[in-house]
Amino acid sequence: MLLVEDFNQIALNADDLIAAGYGVSVLNGVDVDEPYDRDVIIEVLADWGWSGDKEKKPIWLKDK
């Protein structure tokens, strides 16, 4: 997964990155004062998908 703050950083190469098997996600700046929301984090991780060993996938990580 490639994380960027601005899609323009990778726009010229986005198709090549995706074709090479990378996922791309644009994350705007994180507000350190924003409370942690576990359900939101789990939803983001589920959206990205699990790419590791199936035996090591956390039980809390739901399939999309």
C-alpha atoms as a PDB file:
ATOM      1  CA  MET A   1       0.000   0.000   0.000  1.00  0.00           C
ATOM      2  CA  LEU A   2       1.360   3.368  -1.016  1.00  0.00           C
ATOM      3  CA  LEU A   3       0.216   6.224   1.204  1.00  0.00           C
ATOM      4  CA  VAL A   4       0.445   9.822   0.021  1.00  0.00           C
ATOM      5  CA  GLU A   5      -0.938  13.104   1.306  1.00  0.00           C
ATOM      6  CA  ASP A   6      -1.519  14.494  -2.177  1.00  0.00           C
ATOM      7  CA  PHE A   7      -2.491  12.406  -5.199  1.00  0.00           C
ATOM      8  CA  ASN A   8      -0.548  14.816  -7.396  1.00  0.00           C
ATOM      9  CA  GLN A   9       2.617  13.337  -5.864  1.00  0.00           C
ATOM     10  CA  ILE A  10       2.033  10.117  -7.796  1.00  0.00           C
ATOM     11  CA  ALA A  11      -0.467  11.136 -10.492  1.00  0.00           C
ATOM     12  CA  LEU A  12       1.941  10.674 -13.396  1.00  0.00           C
ATOM     13  CA  ASN A  13       2.803   7.149 -12.246  1.00  0.00           C
ATOM     14  CA  ALA A  14      -0.510   6.021 -10.731  1.00  0.00           C
ATOM     15  CA  ASP A  15      -1.436   3.609 -13.530  1.00  0.00           C
ATOM     16  CA  ASP A  16       2.026   2.019 -13.449  1.00  0.00           C
ATOM     17  CA  LEU A  17       1.904   1.654  -9.662  1.00  0.00           C
ATOM     18  CA  ILE A  18      -1.509  -0.001  -9.769  1.00  0.00           C
ATOM     19  CA  ALA A  19      -0.442  -2.270 -12.655  1.00  0.00           C
ATOM     20  CA  ALA A  20       2.564  -3.307 -10.552  1.00  0.00           C
ATOM     21  CA  GLY A  21       0.190  -4.431  -7.797  1.00  0.00           C
ATOM     22  CA  TYR A  22       0.399  -1.485  -5.432  1.00  0.00           C
ATOM     23  CA  GLY A  23      -2.636  -0.085  -3.729  1.00  0.00           C
ATOM     24  CA  VAL A  24      -2.804   3.685  -3.453  1.00  0.00           C
ATOM     25  CA  SER A  25      -4.461   5.630  -0.678  1.00  0.00           C
ATOM     26  CA  VAL A  26      -4.553   9.379  -0.147  1.00  0.00           C
ATOM     27  CA  LEU A  27      -4.496  10.355   3.517  1.00  0.00           C
ATOM     28  CA  ASN A  28      -4.908  13.959   4.442  1.00  0.00           C
ATOM     29  CA  GLY A  29      -2.949  15.267   7.376  1.00  0.00           C
ATOM     30  CA  VAL A  30      -3.783  13.629  10.664  1.00  0.00           C
ATOM     31  CA  ASP A  31      -5.082  15.850  13.432  1.00  0.00           C
ATOM     32  CA  VAL A  32      -3.255  14.709  16.550  1.00  0.00           C
ATOM     33  CA  ASP A  33      -6.107  16.072  18.674  1.00  0.00           C
ATOM     34  CA  GLU A  34      -8.689  13.887  16.917  1.00  0.00           C
ATOM     35  CA  PRO A  35      -9.763  10.966  19.116  1.00  0.00           C
ATOM     36  CA  TYR A  36      -8.776   7.450  18.071  1.00  0.00           C
ATOM     37  CA  ASP A  37     -11.710   5.553  16.578  1.00  0.00           C
ATOM     38  CA  ARG A  38     -10.912   1.841  16.437  1.00  0.00           C
ATOM     39  CA  ASP A  39     -13.885   1.013  14.179  1.00  0.00           C
ATOM     40  CA  VAL A  40     -12.755   3.564  11.579  1.00  0.00           C
ATOM     41  CA  ILE A  41      -9.209   2.170  11.584  1.00  0.00           C
ATOM     42  CA  ILE A  42     -10.505  -1.394  11.196  1.00  0.00           C
ATOM     43  CA  GLU A  43     -12.720  -0.277   8.302  1.00  0.00           C
ATOM     44  CA  VAL A  44      -9.740   1.335   6.538  1.00  0.00           C
ATOM     45  CA  LEU A  45      -7.570  -1.749   7.034  1.00  0.00           C
ATOM     46  CA  ALA A  46     -10.368  -4.026   5.801  1.00  0.00           C
ATOM     47  CA  ASP A  47     -10.763  -1.835   2.729  1.00  0.00           C
ATOM     48  CA  TRP A  48      -7.047  -2.198   1.989  1.00  0.00           C
ATOM     49  CA  GLY A  49      -7.244  -5.960   2.448  1.00  0.00           C
ATOM     50  CA  TRP A  50      -4.880  -8.478   3.998  1.00  0.00           C
ATOM     51  CA  SER A  51      -1.830  -9.499   1.986  1.00  0.00           C
ATOM     52  CA  GLY A  52       0.125 -11.485   4.553  1.00  0.00           C
ATOM     53  CA  ASP A  53      -0.035 -15.135   5.507  1.00  0.00           C
ATOM     54  CA  LYS A  54      -3.656 -16.179   5.937  1.00  0.00           C
ATOM     55  CA  GLU A  55      -2.781 -17.811   9.252  1.00  0.00           C
ATOM     56  CA  LYS A  56      -1.553 -14.458  10.597  1.00  0.00           C
ATOM     57  CA  LYS A  57      -4.611 -12.415   9.608  1.00  0.00           C
ATOM     58  CA  PRO A  58      -6.061 -10.812  12.755  1.00  0.00           C
ATOM     59  CA  ILE A  59      -9.441 -12.240  13.745  1.00  0.00           C
ATOM     60  CA  TRP A  60     -10.817  -8.698  14.106  1.00  0.00           C
ATOM     61  CA  LEU A  61     -10.032  -7.860  10.468  1.00  0.00           C
ATOM     62  CA  LYS A  62     -13.272  -8.386   8.588  1.00  0.00           C
ATOM     63  CA  ASP A  63     -13.480  -9.191   4.874  1.00  0.00           C
ATOM     64  CA  LYS A  64     -15.002  -6.535   2.646  1.00  0.00           C
END
